[in-house]
Amino acid sequence: MTWGLAHLSEPAEAITAELVTNAITASGRTALPGAVPQPVMLWASAPPGRGELCIRVWDPDPAPPPRDDTGDIPDLWAESGRGLFIVAAYSSRWSWYPAHGGKYVWAALPLRPQPPAR
């Protein structure tokens, strides 16, 4: 790739998948019985001068995402519980903030080009 950023495709895809999955789950959890869950919103941007790709997802649940600050590796055989561990492992930083009655959860990847393989 001309920009030398092909190495970011796997981490960006994994982060996006985890954040969107969590947002869809949160939207379903907050929907009234029999109601259609609210749509979630995804943004990806690389603001000039910041040197990073920011992936941001909004969902209607104002509760903070569950943080596991113990540093323990999640159960590899569990059906859930690894998403934010994966986001933290791939990103340089991540967090959340309340907005529009719900929240944004975001993660950043540094935009450091890799030289082409020889």
Protein backbone atom coordinates (compact mmCIF):
# COMPACT_ATOMS: atom_id res chain seq x y z
CA MET A 1 0.00 0.00 0.00
CA THR A 2 1.25 3.45 -0.87
CA TRP A 3 0.67 4.89 2.61
CA GLY A 4 2.47 2.05 4.40
CA LEU A 5 -0.49 1.44 6.71
CA ALA A 6 -1.57 -2.05 5.65
CA HIS A 7 -0.41 -3.33 9.06
CA LEU A 8 -3.31 -1.41 10.65
CA SER A 9 -6.07 -3.27 8.78
CA GLU A 10 -6.24 -6.23 11.19
CA PRO A 11 -6.20 -4.20 14.42
CA ALA A 12 -8.64 -1.61 13.02
CA GLU A 13 -11.00 -4.39 11.90
CA ALA A 14 -10.82 -6.16 15.28
CA ILE A 15 -11.40 -2.94 17.23
CA THR A 16 -14.31 -1.94 14.99
CA ALA A 17 -15.92 -5.37 15.25
CA GLU A 18 -15.69 -5.39 19.05
CA LEU A 19 -16.96 -1.84 19.54
CA VAL A 20 -19.87 -2.31 17.12
CA THR A 21 -20.80 -5.68 18.66
CA ASN A 22 -20.82 -4.14 22.13
CA ALA A 23 -22.91 -1.19 20.90
CA ILE A 24 -25.48 -3.45 19.24
CA THR A 25 -25.72 -5.52 22.44
CA ALA A 26 -26.19 -2.34 24.51
CA SER A 27 -28.84 -1.04 22.11
CA GLY A 28 -30.80 -4.28 22.37
CA ARG A 29 -30.49 -4.29 26.14
CA THR A 30 -31.92 -0.75 26.45
CA ALA A 31 -34.82 -1.24 24.02
CA LEU A 32 -38.29 -1.53 25.50
CA PRO A 33 -39.88 -4.99 25.20
CA GLY A 34 -41.22 -5.41 21.66
CA ALA A 35 -39.54 -2.21 20.43
CA VAL A 36 -36.89 -2.01 17.76
CA PRO A 37 -33.47 -1.21 19.25
CA GLN A 38 -32.02 2.18 18.38
CA PRO A 39 -29.39 2.22 15.63
CA VAL A 40 -25.76 2.52 16.62
CA MET A 41 -23.37 4.89 14.87
CA LEU A 42 -19.79 4.31 13.78
CA TRP A 43 -17.15 6.89 12.89
CA ALA A 44 -13.57 6.39 11.83
CA SER A 45 -11.36 9.40 11.35
CA ALA A 46 -7.72 10.39 11.10
CA PRO A 47 -7.69 14.08 12.03
CA PRO A 48 -4.79 15.99 10.46
CA GLY A 49 -1.86 16.45 12.79
CA ARG A 50 -3.05 13.90 15.37
CA GLY A 51 -1.11 10.96 13.96
CA GLU A 52 -3.78 8.44 14.84
CA LEU A 53 -6.83 6.66 13.54
CA CYS A 54 -9.78 7.09 15.88
CA ILE A 55 -12.63 4.56 15.80
CA ARG A 56 -15.71 5.76 17.69
CA VAL A 57 -19.07 4.05 18.21
CA TRP A 58 -22.24 5.49 19.81
CA ASP A 59 -24.90 3.41 21.55
CA PRO A 60 -28.02 4.43 23.52
CA ASP A 61 -26.93 2.92 26.86
CA PRO A 62 -25.49 5.66 29.12
CA ALA A 63 -23.83 3.13 31.43
CA PRO A 64 -20.04 2.98 31.18
CA PRO A 65 -18.54 -0.03 29.45
CA PRO A 66 -17.40 -2.70 31.90
CA ARG A 67 -13.70 -2.24 32.61
CA ASP A 68 -11.49 -5.01 33.83
CA ASP A 69 -8.54 -3.24 35.37
CA THR A 70 -7.18 -6.40 36.98
CA GLY A 71 -5.02 -7.22 33.97
CA ASP A 72 -6.31 -10.80 33.99
CA ILE A 73 -6.70 -12.55 30.66
CA PRO A 74 -10.40 -13.28 30.04
CA ASP A 75 -11.70 -16.84 29.80
CA LEU A 76 -10.85 -17.91 26.25
CA TRP A 77 -13.76 -20.37 26.19
CA ALA A 78 -16.44 -17.93 27.36
CA GLU A 79 -18.98 -16.70 24.82
CA SER A 80 -18.40 -13.07 25.79
CA GLY A 81 -16.18 -10.87 27.92
CA ARG A 82 -13.13 -10.46 25.70
CA GLY A 83 -14.18 -7.47 23.57
CA LEU A 84 -12.68 -4.62 25.55
CA PHE A 85 -9.62 -6.75 26.35
CA ILE A 86 -9.08 -7.04 22.57
CA VAL A 87 -9.70 -3.30 22.09
CA ALA A 88 -7.17 -2.47 24.82
CA ALA A 89 -4.61 -4.91 23.40
CA TYR A 90 -4.77 -3.49 19.87
CA SER A 91 -5.22 0.22 20.57
CA SER A 92 -2.78 2.76 21.95
CA ARG A 93 -5.59 4.10 24.14
CA TRP A 94 -9.35 3.79 24.51
CA SER A 95 -12.09 5.27 26.64
CA TRP A 96 -15.71 6.38 26.62
CA TYR A 97 -17.77 9.49 27.28
CA PRO A 98 -21.51 10.18 27.72
CA ALA A 99 -23.33 11.88 24.83
CA HIS A 100 -26.83 12.28 23.39
CA GLY A 101 -28.48 10.12 26.07
CA GLY A 102 -26.05 7.27 25.49
CA LYS A 103 -22.29 7.03 25.15
CA TYR A 104 -19.40 6.95 22.73
CA VAL A 105 -16.74 4.30 23.14
CA TRP A 106 -13.58 5.00 21.18
CA ALA A 107 -10.14 3.60 20.50
CA ALA A 108 -7.06 5.04 18.80
CA LEU A 109 -4.39 3.45 16.64
CA PRO A 110 -1.14 5.32 15.91
CA LEU A 111 -0.60 6.04 12.22
CA ARG A 112 3.02 4.97 11.98
CA PRO A 113 3.86 3.78 8.49
CA GLN A 114 5.83 0.55 8.14
CA PRO A 115 8.45 0.29 5.43
CA PRO A 116 7.67 -2.21 2.67
CA ALA A 117 8.87 -5.77 3.30
CA ARG A 118 11.98 -6.72 1.36
